[in-house]
PDB file of all heavy atoms in Angstrom:
ATOM      1  N   VAL A   1       0.844  -1.181   0.000  1.00  0.00           N
ATOM      2  CA  VAL A   1       0.000   0.000   0.000  1.00  0.00           C
ATOM      3  C   VAL A   1       0.886   1.239   0.000  1.00  0.00           C
ATOM      4  O   VAL A   1       2.003   1.216   0.515  1.00  0.00           O
ATOM      5  CB  VAL A   1      -0.955  -0.010   1.219  1.00  0.00           C
ATOM      6  CG1 VAL A   1      -0.166   0.105   2.521  1.00  0.00           C
ATOM      7  CG2 VAL A   1      -1.995   1.086   1.119  1.00  0.00           C
ATOM      8  N   GLN A   2       0.394   2.307  -0.586  1.00  0.00           N
ATOM      9  CA  GLN A   2       1.126   3.565  -0.582  1.00  0.00           C
ATOM     10  C   GLN A   2       0.981   4.263   0.762  1.00  0.00           C
ATOM     11  O   GLN A   2       0.004   4.056   1.485  1.00  0.00           O
ATOM     12  CB  GLN A   2       0.630   4.489  -1.693  1.00  0.00           C
ATOM     13  CG  GLN A   2       0.947   4.008  -3.094  1.00  0.00           C
ATOM     14  CD  GLN A   2       0.529   5.005  -4.154  1.00  0.00           C
ATOM     15  OE1 GLN A   2      -0.215   5.944  -3.889  1.00  0.00           O
ATOM     16  NE2 GLN A   2       1.012   4.811  -5.364  1.00  0.00           N
ATOM     17  N   ALA A   3       1.971   5.075   1.079  1.00  0.00           N
ATOM     18  CA  ALA A   3       1.896   5.867   2.301  1.00  0.00           C
ATOM     19  C   ALA A   3       0.605   6.674   2.327  1.00  0.00           C
ATOM     20  O   ALA A   3       0.197   7.259   1.324  1.00  0.00           O
ATOM     21  CB  ALA A   3       3.103   6.786   2.413  1.00  0.00           C
ATOM     22  N   GLY A   4      -0.017   6.684   3.489  1.00  0.00           N
ATOM     23  CA  GLY A   4      -1.293   7.348   3.645  1.00  0.00           C
ATOM     24  C   GLY A   4      -2.487   6.453   3.415  1.00  0.00           C
ATOM     25  O   GLY A   4      -3.619   6.844   3.734  1.00  0.00           O
ATOM     26  N   GLY A   5      -2.251   5.273   2.890  1.00  0.00           N
ATOM     27  CA  GLY A   5      -3.321   4.343   2.614  1.00  0.00           C
ATOM     28  C   GLY A   5      -3.698   3.513   3.820  1.00  0.00           C
ATOM     29  O   GLY A   5      -3.190   3.709   4.931  1.00  0.00           O
ATOM     30  N   SER A   6      -4.583   2.555   3.580  1.00  0.00           N
ATOM     31  CA  SER A   6      -5.130   1.734   4.650  1.00  0.00           C
ATOM     32  C   SER A   6      -5.118   0.264   4.273  1.00  0.00           C
ATOM     33  O   SER A   6      -5.191  -0.098   3.098  1.00  0.00           O
ATOM     34  CB  SER A   6      -6.568   2.147   4.964  1.00  0.00           C
ATOM     35  OG  SER A   6      -6.652   3.489   5.384  1.00  0.00           O
ATOM     36  N   LEU A   7      -5.031  -0.568   5.282  1.00  0.00           N
ATOM     37  CA  LEU A   7      -5.176  -2.008   5.161  1.00  0.00           C
ATOM     38  C   LEU A   7      -5.891  -2.529   6.387  1.00  0.00           C
ATOM     39  O   LEU A   7      -5.799  -1.931   7.467  1.00  0.00           O
ATOM     40  CB  LEU A   7      -3.822  -2.713   5.049  1.00  0.00           C
ATOM     41  CG  LEU A   7      -3.069  -2.675   3.724  1.00  0.00           C
ATOM     42  CD1 LEU A   7      -1.685  -3.310   3.913  1.00  0.00           C
ATOM     43  CD2 LEU A   7      -3.833  -3.403   2.641  1.00  0.00           C
ATOM     44  N   THR A   8      -6.583  -3.645   6.224  1.00  0.00           N
ATOM     45  CA  THR A   8      -7.187  -4.336   7.344  1.00  0.00           C
ATOM     46  C   THR A   8      -6.636  -5.748   7.413  1.00  0.00           C
ATOM     47  O   THR A   8      -6.683  -6.490   6.427  1.00  0.00           O
ATOM     48  CB  THR A   8      -8.719  -4.388   7.227  1.00  0.00           C
ATOM     49  OG1 THR A   8      -9.237  -3.053   7.230  1.00  0.00           O
ATOM     50  CG2 THR A   8      -9.317  -5.143   8.404  1.00  0.00           C
ATOM     51  N   LEU A   9      -6.104  -6.113   8.553  1.00  0.00           N
ATOM     52  CA  LEU A   9      -5.596  -7.447   8.791  1.00  0.00           C
ATOM     53  C   LEU A   9      -6.627  -8.254   9.572  1.00  0.00           C
ATOM     54  O   LEU A   9      -7.308  -7.714  10.447  1.00  0.00           O
ATOM     55  CB  LEU A   9      -4.289  -7.406   9.577  1.00  0.00           C
ATOM     56  CG  LEU A   9      -3.169  -6.542   9.004  1.00  0.00           C
ATOM     57  CD1 LEU A   9      -1.932  -6.643   9.895  1.00  0.00           C
ATOM     58  CD2 LEU A   9      -2.850  -6.937   7.575  1.00  0.00           C
ATOM     59  N   ASP A  10      -6.713  -9.532   9.252  1.00  0.00           N
ATOM     60  CA  ASP A  10      -7.597 -10.451   9.957  1.00  0.00           C
ATOM     61  C   ASP A  10      -6.764 -11.499  10.673  1.00  0.00           C
ATOM     62  O   ASP A  10      -5.727 -11.933  10.170  1.00  0.00           O
ATOM     63  CB  ASP A  10      -8.543 -11.174   9.000  1.00  0.00           C
ATOM     64  CG  ASP A  10      -9.421 -10.253   8.194  1.00  0.00           C
ATOM     65  OD1 ASP A  10      -9.563  -9.077   8.575  1.00  0.00           O
ATOM     66  OD2 ASP A  10      -9.985 -10.718   7.181  1.00  0.00           O
ATOM     67  N   CYS A  11      -7.237 -11.922  11.815  1.00  0.00           N
ATOM     68  CA  CYS A  11      -6.623 -13.013  12.555  1.00  0.00           C
ATOM     69  C   CYS A  11      -7.724 -13.961  13.000  1.00  0.00           C
ATOM     70  O   CYS A  11      -8.584 -13.574  13.799  1.00  0.00           O
ATOM     71  CB  CYS A  11      -5.850 -12.482  13.761  1.00  0.00           C
ATOM     72  SG  CYS A  11      -5.202 -13.763  14.855  1.00  0.00           S
ATOM     73  N   VAL A  12      -7.690 -15.183  12.493  1.00  0.00           N
ATOM     74  CA  VAL A  12      -8.669 -16.195  12.848  1.00  0.00           C
ATOM     75  C   VAL A  12      -8.018 -17.188  13.797  1.00  0.00           C
ATOM     76  O   VAL A  12      -6.989 -17.780  13.473  1.00  0.00           O
ATOM     77  CB  VAL A  12      -9.215 -16.916  11.610  1.00  0.00           C
ATOM     78  CG1 VAL A  12     -10.240 -17.968  12.028  1.00  0.00           C
ATOM     79  CG2 VAL A  12      -9.844 -15.925  10.647  1.00  0.00           C
ATOM     80  N   ALA A  13      -8.612 -17.360  14.950  1.00  0.00           N
ATOM     81  CA  ALA A  13      -8.097 -18.268  15.961  1.00  0.00           C
ATOM     82  C   ALA A  13      -8.935 -19.534  16.014  1.00  0.00           C
ATOM     83  O   ALA A  13     -10.158 -19.498  15.867  1.00  0.00           O
ATOM     84  CB  ALA A  13      -8.080 -17.595  17.331  1.00  0.00           C
ATOM     85  N   SER A  14      -8.269 -20.654  16.237  1.00  0.00           N
ATOM     86  CA  SER A  14      -8.957 -21.929  16.377  1.00  0.00           C
ATOM     87  C   SER A  14      -8.246 -22.768  17.430  1.00  0.00           C
ATOM     88  O   SER A  14      -7.166 -22.425  17.898  1.00  0.00           O
ATOM     89  CB  SER A  14      -9.022 -22.676  15.038  1.00  0.00           C
ATOM     90  OG  SER A  14      -7.724 -22.940  14.541  1.00  0.00           O
ATOM     91  N   GLY A  15      -8.856 -23.885  17.782  1.00  0.00           N
ATOM     92  CA  GLY A  15      -8.303 -24.727  18.826  1.00  0.00           C
ATOM     93  C   GLY A  15      -8.864 -24.343  20.182  1.00  0.00           C
ATOM     94  O   GLY A  15     -10.027 -23.978  20.306  1.00  0.00           O
ATOM     95  N   SER A  16      -8.021 -24.400  21.172  1.00  0.00           N
ATOM     96  CA  SER A  16      -8.447 -24.143  22.547  1.00  0.00           C
ATOM     97  C   SER A  16      -8.435 -22.656  22.858  1.00  0.00           C
ATOM     98  O   SER A  16      -7.742 -22.185  23.770  1.00  0.00           O
ATOM     99  CB  SER A  16      -7.555 -24.913  23.520  1.00  0.00           C
ATOM    100  OG  SER A  16      -7.593 -26.300  23.274  1.00  0.00           O
ATOM    101  N   THR A  17      -9.216 -21.930  22.096  1.00  0.00           N
ATOM    102  CA  THR A  17      -9.210 -20.479  22.237  1.00  0.00           C
ATOM    103  C   THR A  17      -9.756 -20.025  23.580  1.00  0.00           C
ATOM    104  O   THR A  17      -9.399 -18.939  24.045  1.00  0.00           O
ATOM    105  CB  THR A  17     -10.008 -19.816  21.115  1.00  0.00           C
ATOM    106  OG1 THR A  17     -11.344 -20.313  21.121  1.00  0.00           O
ATOM    107  CG2 THR A  17      -9.369 -20.104  19.763  1.00  0.00           C
ATOM    108  N   ASP A  18     -10.602 -20.829  24.186  1.00  0.00           N
ATOM    109  CA  ASP A  18     -11.176 -20.429  25.465  1.00  0.00           C
ATOM    110  C   ASP A  18     -10.189 -20.545  26.618  1.00  0.00           C
ATOM    111  O   ASP A  18     -10.504 -20.128  27.734  1.00  0.00           O
ATOM    112  CB  ASP A  18     -12.453 -21.215  25.770  1.00  0.00           C
ATOM    113  CG  ASP A  18     -12.260 -22.718  25.750  1.00  0.00           C
ATOM    114  OD1 ASP A  18     -11.145 -23.186  25.450  1.00  0.00           O
ATOM    115  OD2 ASP A  18     -13.238 -23.436  26.036  1.00  0.00           O
ATOM    116  N   THR A  19      -9.014 -21.086  26.356  1.00  0.00           N
ATOM    117  CA  THR A  19      -7.974 -21.088  27.380  1.00  0.00           C
ATOM    118  C   THR A  19      -7.203 -19.770  27.402  1.00  0.00           C
ATOM    119  O   THR A  19      -6.397 -19.549  28.309  1.00  0.00           O
ATOM    120  CB  THR A  19      -6.989 -22.244  27.166  1.00  0.00           C
ATOM    121  OG1 THR A  19      -6.275 -22.066  25.936  1.00  0.00           O
ATOM    122  CG2 THR A  19      -7.724 -23.572  27.121  1.00  0.00           C
ATOM    123  N   MET A  20      -7.425 -18.921  26.413  1.00  0.00           N
ATOM    124  CA  MET A  20      -6.827 -17.600  26.353  1.00  0.00           C
ATOM    125  C   MET A  20      -7.905 -16.557  26.608  1.00  0.00           C
ATOM    126  O   MET A  20      -9.092 -16.866  26.577  1.00  0.00           O
ATOM    127  CB  MET A  20      -6.182 -17.347  24.988  1.00  0.00           C
ATOM    128  CG  MET A  20      -5.153 -18.394  24.572  1.00  0.00           C
ATOM    129  SD  MET A  20      -3.645 -18.346  25.564  1.00  0.00           S
ATOM    130  CE  MET A  20      -3.877 -19.825  26.570  1.00  0.00           C
ATOM    131  N   ASN A  21      -7.489 -15.342  26.831  1.00  0.00           N
ATOM    132  CA  ASN A  21      -8.480 -14.295  27.032  1.00  0.00           C
ATOM    133  C   ASN A  21      -8.190 -13.024  26.255  1.00  0.00           C
ATOM    134  O   ASN A  21      -8.854 -12.004  26.477  1.00  0.00           O
ATOM    135  CB  ASN A  21      -8.655 -13.985  28.523  1.00  0.00           C
ATOM    136  CG  ASN A  21      -7.454 -13.300  29.145  1.00  0.00           C
ATOM    137  OD1 ASN A  21      -6.425 -13.093  28.512  1.00  0.00           O
ATOM    138  ND2 ASN A  21      -7.591 -12.949  30.428  1.00  0.00           N
ATOM    139  N   ALA A  22      -7.238 -13.084  25.328  1.00  0.00           N
ATOM    140  CA  ALA A  22      -6.920 -11.895  24.558  1.00  0.00           C
ATOM    141  C   ALA A  22      -6.237 -12.277  23.258  1.00  0.00           C
ATOM    142  O   ALA A  22      -5.592 -13.329  23.158  1.00  0.00           O
ATOM    143  CB  ALA A  22      -6.029 -10.946  25.356  1.00  0.00           C
ATOM    144  N   ILE A  23      -6.380 -11.422  22.261  1.00  0.00           N
ATOM    145  CA  ILE A  23      -5.713 -11.555  20.975  1.00  0.00           C
ATOM    146  C   ILE A  23      -4.954 -10.262  20.708  1.00  0.00           C
ATOM    147  O   ILE A  23      -5.510  -9.173  20.870  1.00  0.00           O
ATOM    148  CB  ILE A  23      -6.709 -11.819  19.833  1.00  0.00           C
ATOM    149  CG1 ILE A  23      -7.507 -13.103  20.092  1.00  0.00           C
ATOM    150  CG2 ILE A  23      -5.974 -11.882  18.493  1.00  0.00           C
ATOM    151  CD1 ILE A  23      -6.695 -14.370  20.011  1.00  0.00           C
ATOM    152  N   GLY A  24      -3.712 -10.390  20.291  1.00  0.00           N
ATOM    153  CA  GLY A  24      -2.901  -9.215  20.049  1.00  0.00           C
ATOM    154  C   GLY A  24      -2.161  -9.270  18.733  1.00  0.00           C
ATOM    155  O   GLY A  24      -2.091 -10.308  18.072  1.00  0.00           O
ATOM    156  N   TRP A  25      -1.620  -8.127  18.355  1.00  0.00           N
ATOM    157  CA  TRP A  25      -0.814  -7.995  17.156  1.00  0.00           C
ATOM    158  C   TRP A  25       0.570  -7.467  17.523  1.00  0.00           C
ATOM    159  O   TRP A  25       0.692  -6.526  18.321  1.00  0.00           O
ATOM    160  CB  TRP A  25      -1.445  -7.030  16.150  1.00  0.00           C
ATOM    161  CG  TRP A  25      -2.661  -7.561  15.457  1.00  0.00           C
ATOM    162  CD1 TRP A  25      -3.955  -7.372  15.809  1.00  0.00           C
ATOM    163  CD2 TRP A  25      -2.675  -8.361  14.275  1.00  0.00           C
ATOM    164  NE1 TRP A  25      -4.790  -8.001  14.926  1.00  0.00           N
ATOM    165  CE2 TRP A  25      -4.029  -8.618  13.972  1.00  0.00           C
ATOM    166  CE3 TRP A  25      -1.687  -8.881  13.440  1.00  0.00           C
ATOM    167  CZ2 TRP A  25      -4.413  -9.383  12.866  1.00  0.00           C
ATOM    168  CZ3 TRP A  25      -2.071  -9.640  12.350  1.00  0.00           C
ATOM    169  CH2 TRP A  25      -3.418  -9.878  12.073  1.00  0.00           C
ATOM    170  N   TYR A  26       1.578  -8.077  16.921  1.00  0.00           N
ATOM    171  CA  TYR A  26       2.943  -7.594  16.994  1.00  0.00           C
ATOM    172  C   TYR A  26       3.472  -7.431  15.577  1.00  0.00           C
ATOM    173  O   TYR A  26       2.892  -7.955  14.620  1.00  0.00           O
ATOM    174  CB  TYR A  26       3.840  -8.567  17.767  1.00  0.00           C
ATOM    175  CG  TYR A  26       3.632  -8.551  19.270  1.00  0.00           C
ATOM    176  CD1 TYR A  26       2.472  -9.046  19.839  1.00  0.00           C
ATOM    177  CD2 TYR A  26       4.622  -8.049  20.109  1.00  0.00           C
ATOM    178  CE1 TYR A  26       2.290  -9.037  21.208  1.00  0.00           C
ATOM    179  CE2 TYR A  26       4.453  -8.042  21.480  1.00  0.00           C
ATOM    180  CZ  TYR A  26       3.286  -8.539  22.024  1.00  0.00           C
ATOM    181  OH  TYR A  26       3.117  -8.533  23.388  1.00  0.00           O
ATOM    182  N   ARG A  27       4.571  -6.715  15.443  1.00  0.00           N
ATOM    183  CA  ARG A  27       5.191  -6.565  14.135  1.00  0.00           C
ATOM    184  C   ARG A  27       6.705  -6.568  14.276  1.00  0.00           C
ATOM    185  O   ARG A  27       7.257  -6.184  15.301  1.00  0.00           O
ATOM    186  CB  ARG A  27       4.717  -5.286  13.435  1.00  0.00           C
ATOM    187  CG  ARG A  27       5.137  -3.997  14.111  1.00  0.00           C
ATOM    188  CD  ARG A  27       4.483  -2.803  13.419  1.00  0.00           C
ATOM    189  NE  ARG A  27       4.912  -1.539  13.984  1.00  0.00           N
ATOM    190  CZ  ARG A  27       4.430  -0.360  13.625  1.00  0.00           C
ATOM    191  NH1 ARG A  27       3.482  -0.286  12.685  1.00  0.00           N
ATOM    192  NH2 ARG A  27       4.881   0.756  14.197  1.00  0.00           N
ATOM    193  N   GLN A  28       7.360  -6.992  13.201  1.00  0.00           N
ATOM    194  CA  GLN A  28       8.811  -7.059  13.200  1.00  0.00           C
ATOM    195  C   GLN A  28       9.344  -6.756  11.812  1.00  0.00           C
ATOM    196  O   GLN A  28       8.969  -7.408  10.837  1.00  0.00           O
ATOM    197  CB  GLN A  28       9.307  -8.430  13.656  1.00  0.00           C
ATOM    198  CG  GLN A  28      10.805  -8.519  13.813  1.00  0.00           C
ATOM    199  CD  GLN A  28      11.249  -9.816  14.450  1.00  0.00           C
ATOM    200  OE1 GLN A  28      10.535 -10.817  14.412  1.00  0.00           O
ATOM    201  NE2 GLN A  28      12.424  -9.799  15.048  1.00  0.00           N
ATOM    202  N   ALA A  29      10.200  -5.766  11.736  1.00  0.00           N
ATOM    203  CA  ALA A  29      10.908  -5.451  10.510  1.00  0.00           C
ATOM    204  C   ALA A  29      12.255  -6.170  10.516  1.00  0.00           C
ATOM    205  O   ALA A  29      12.787  -6.480  11.585  1.00  0.00           O
ATOM    206  CB  ALA A  29      11.110  -3.946  10.378  1.00  0.00           C
TER     207      ALA A  29
END
């Protein structure tokens, strides 16, 4: 995407999701 633009990321969780209580995003260059 060009600077100033937008994107939407999706994260689908499966498995024993009820053993967790939060979903987060990290990034690494």
